[in-house]
Protein backbone atom coordinates (compact mmCIF):
# COMPACT_ATOMS: atom_id res chain seq x y z
CA MET A 1 0.00 -0.07 -0.16
CA ALA A 2 1.45 3.45 -1.09
CA LEU A 3 0.01 6.63 0.66
CA GLN A 4 0.52 9.72 -1.11
CA LYS A 5 -0.29 13.24 0.83
CA VAL A 6 -3.73 15.29 0.11
CA ASP A 7 -3.63 18.68 -0.40
CA LEU A 8 -5.64 20.30 2.82
CA ASN A 9 -8.12 21.82 0.77
CA LYS A 10 -9.30 18.77 -0.90
CA ALA A 11 -9.46 16.66 2.49
CA TYR A 12 -12.75 17.00 2.86
CA ARG A 13 -13.13 15.03 -0.29
CA LEU A 14 -11.89 11.92 1.71
CA ILE A 15 -14.85 12.02 3.90
CA ASN A 16 -17.63 13.95 2.27
CA HIS A 17 -19.30 10.83 0.68
CA GLY A 18 -20.10 9.51 4.35
CA PRO A 19 -18.17 6.60 4.76
CA THR A 20 -18.02 5.28 8.55
CA LEU A 21 -14.74 6.10 10.00
CA ILE A 22 -12.50 5.31 12.87
CA ILE A 23 -11.59 7.86 15.48
CA CYS A 24 -8.16 6.98 17.11
CA ALA A 25 -6.52 8.74 20.30
CA SER A 26 -3.58 8.43 22.43
CA HIS A 27 -2.69 10.09 25.89
CA GLU A 28 0.61 9.15 27.86
CA GLY A 29 0.88 5.61 26.22
CA VAL A 30 -2.87 4.75 26.11
CA GLU A 31 -4.68 4.37 23.10
CA ASP A 32 -7.82 3.66 21.74
CA ALA A 33 -10.05 3.54 18.46
CA MET A 34 -13.64 3.80 17.83
CA SER A 35 -15.90 3.53 14.75
CA ALA A 36 -18.06 6.87 13.89
CA SER A 37 -20.58 7.59 11.83
CA TRP A 38 -21.44 11.16 12.46
CA VAL A 39 -18.34 12.87 11.23
CA CYS A 40 -18.52 14.92 8.24
CA PRO A 41 -16.54 18.00 6.64
CA LEU A 42 -17.28 21.53 8.27
CA ASP A 43 -15.08 23.12 5.66
CA TYR A 44 -11.95 22.11 3.56
CA ASP A 45 -9.75 21.43 6.11
CA LYS A 46 -12.02 21.58 9.26
CA ILE A 47 -14.59 18.31 10.04
CA THR A 48 -17.06 17.84 12.89
CA ALA A 49 -17.48 14.67 15.07
CA VAL A 50 -20.09 13.85 17.46
CA VAL A 51 -18.71 11.74 20.10
CA ALA A 52 -20.52 10.32 23.29
CA SER A 53 -19.32 12.02 26.39
CA GLY A 54 -18.75 8.04 27.89
CA SER A 55 -16.42 7.22 25.11
CA PHE A 56 -12.77 6.34 26.15
CA THR A 57 -11.46 7.33 23.15
CA ARG A 58 -13.19 10.55 23.58
CA THR A 59 -11.17 10.90 26.98
CA LEU A 60 -8.15 10.31 25.22
CA PHE A 61 -8.41 13.03 22.61
CA GLU A 62 -9.91 15.71 25.04
CA LYS A 63 -6.70 15.38 27.23
CA SER A 64 -4.16 15.29 23.87
CA GLY A 65 -6.29 17.65 22.12
CA LYS A 66 -5.50 15.67 18.66
CA PHE A 67 -7.19 12.26 16.68
CA GLY A 68 -6.69 10.82 13.89
CA LEU A 69 -9.24 9.82 11.44
CA CYS A 70 -9.07 6.48 9.58
CA VAL A 71 -11.40 5.71 6.55
CA PRO A 72 -11.26 1.96 6.67
CA PHE A 73 -11.54 -0.62 3.59
CA PHE A 74 -15.39 -2.18 3.14
CA LYS A 75 -13.39 -5.59 3.64
CA ASP A 76 -13.01 -4.32 7.51
CA THR A 77 -16.59 -4.19 8.59
CA ALA A 78 -15.96 -6.95 10.98
CA LEU A 79 -13.10 -4.81 12.95
CA ILE A 80 -15.40 -1.76 12.58
CA ALA A 81 -18.23 -3.43 14.26
CA ARG A 82 -15.54 -4.86 16.95
CA LEU A 83 -14.09 -1.01 17.55
CA GLY A 84 -18.12 0.43 17.57
CA THR A 85 -19.33 -2.01 20.11
CA THR A 86 -16.52 -2.56 22.24
CA SER A 87 -15.39 -0.33 25.07
CA MET A 88 -11.71 0.12 26.42
CA HIS A 89 -13.66 0.88 30.03
CA SER A 90 -14.80 -2.73 30.05
CA ASP A 91 -12.47 -4.29 27.67
CA LYS A 92 -8.72 -3.57 27.81
CA GLU A 93 -7.81 -5.98 25.08
CA LYS A 94 -10.24 -4.25 22.48
CA LEU A 95 -7.12 -3.64 20.40
CA ALA A 96 -5.52 -6.92 20.62
CA GLY A 97 -4.75 -7.89 16.95
CA VAL A 98 -5.25 -4.34 15.71
CA GLU A 99 -1.47 -2.77 14.23
CA MET A 100 -1.06 1.05 14.75
CA PHE A 101 1.31 3.83 13.42
CA TYR A 102 1.64 7.58 14.37
CA GLU A 103 1.80 10.42 12.22
CA ASN A 104 2.21 13.86 13.98
CA GLY A 105 1.80 12.13 17.29
CA VAL A 106 -1.57 10.50 16.80
CA PRO A 107 -2.38 6.97 16.65
CA LEU A 108 -3.71 5.49 13.05
CA LEU A 109 -4.80 2.14 12.07
CA LYS A 110 -2.73 0.30 9.29
CA GLU A 111 -4.20 -0.55 6.10
CA CYS A 112 -6.94 1.98 5.55
CA ALA A 113 -7.96 3.75 2.36
CA ALA A 114 -7.27 7.30 3.74
CA TYR A 115 -6.39 9.23 7.01
CA MET A 116 -6.63 12.67 8.52
CA VAL A 117 -4.60 13.97 11.23
CA CYS A 118 -6.71 16.41 13.48
CA GLU A 119 -6.36 19.13 16.16
CA ILE A 120 -9.36 20.08 18.16
CA ILE A 121 -10.66 23.56 17.91
CA LYS A 122 -11.93 23.79 21.46
CA ASP A 123 -15.53 24.70 21.58
CA ALA A 124 -16.50 24.08 25.37
CA LYS A 125 -20.47 24.39 24.89
CA ASN A 126 -21.20 22.47 21.72
CA GLU A 127 -18.58 19.51 23.14
CA SER A 128 -20.38 19.53 26.52
CA GLU A 129 -24.34 20.38 25.56
CA PHE A 130 -23.98 18.64 21.86
CA ASP A 131 -20.94 15.81 22.33
CA LEU A 132 -19.89 17.99 19.16
CA PHE A 133 -16.29 18.32 18.22
CA LYS A 134 -14.73 20.72 15.64
CA ALA A 135 -11.02 19.84 14.34
CA LYS A 136 -8.40 21.46 11.74
CA VAL A 137 -7.00 18.92 9.43
CA LEU A 138 -3.28 18.99 10.32
CA ALA A 139 -2.39 16.38 7.58
CA ALA A 140 -4.07 13.94 5.21
CA TYR A 141 -3.27 11.05 3.15
CA ALA A 142 -4.61 8.73 1.00
CA ASP A 143 -4.15 4.87 -0.79
CA THR A 144 -3.02 5.47 -4.16
CA ARG A 145 -5.41 2.58 -5.18
CA VAL A 146 -8.39 3.99 -4.33
CA PHE A 147 -7.87 7.96 -4.34
CA GLU A 148 -6.04 9.97 -6.93
CA GLY A 149 -5.96 13.55 -8.16
CA GLY A 150 -8.24 14.66 -5.47
CA HIS A 151 -10.70 11.93 -6.35
CA TRP A 152 -11.85 8.46 -5.23
CA LYS A 153 -11.27 5.78 -7.91
CA PHE A 154 -14.09 3.32 -6.76
CA GLU A 155 -15.56 2.29 -10.11
CA ASN A 156 -13.07 -0.39 -11.06
CA LEU A 157 -12.46 -1.94 -7.40
CA ASP A 158 -13.07 -5.16 -5.89
CA ASP A 159 -15.96 -4.51 -3.09
CA GLY A 160 -13.44 -4.89 -0.28
CA LEU A 161 -11.41 -1.90 -1.09
CA ARG A 162 -14.25 0.59 -1.48
CA THR A 163 -15.37 2.39 1.81
CA PRO A 164 -17.80 1.15 3.88
CA HIS A 165 -21.21 3.13 5.09
CA TYR A 166 -22.96 1.86 8.33
CA ILE A 167 -26.51 2.26 8.65
CA ALA A 168 -28.05 0.26 11.48
CA GLY A 169 -28.61 -3.25 13.05
CA GLY A 170 -25.36 -4.53 11.47
CA GLN A 171 -25.57 -3.34 8.02
CA PHE A 172 -22.96 -2.09 6.13
CA TYR A 173 -23.11 -0.88 2.26
CA ALA A 174 -19.66 -0.82 0.06
CA ASP A 175 -19.31 3.25 -1.14
CA GLY A 176 -18.92 3.29 -5.03
CA ALA A 177 -21.32 3.61 -7.80
CA ALA A 178 -20.51 6.70 -10.13
CA LYS A 179 -22.26 9.17 -12.10
CA PHE A 180 -20.63 12.12 -13.53
CA GLU A 181 -22.62 14.99 -13.92
CA GLU A 182 -20.92 18.06 -16.26
CA LYS A 183 -23.01 20.75 -14.72
CA ALA A 184 -21.98 19.93 -11.26
CA ALA A 185 -18.41 19.83 -12.15
CA ILE A 186 -17.89 23.74 -11.29
CA ILE A 187 -18.70 22.72 -7.79
CA GLY A 188 -14.57 21.50 -6.81
């Protein structure tokens, strides 16, 4: 897998199609990762994420001020489900077998389609009242097999290399059907 840097003005494209993401964080040597569906672009290089107050991962990124966003592959839906249903509060072995690497001091899961390294933009009211976090994207990367020239290239990929979209009740969809509309091409 070869990673390429993604221009921060195009970082939003890594998540604007609505994939289920994995949020990674660490503080003082403790790591955690959790699945998250309620993450979306706020601007070209900013995102929002809703993360429940009881989340172990949230406690880590609140302390460190940073977190990583990983866009997993569809082939990893079992891992996504595990990270979304298991808490480090009750299972200290939650990350057993999960490989991570660090970028800009932030943990990221190995073998994902894309990554963002984010720094929290403090907003105490939204964080406490709505569990809503805003963050600035410091760095972004994507797997060259699936993202090139600022665009996803799902059309000719095996489903396993597409990104997952979680609905509910264990149901995932593989993102990827494409249609080009000439008139919409002016919108970035």
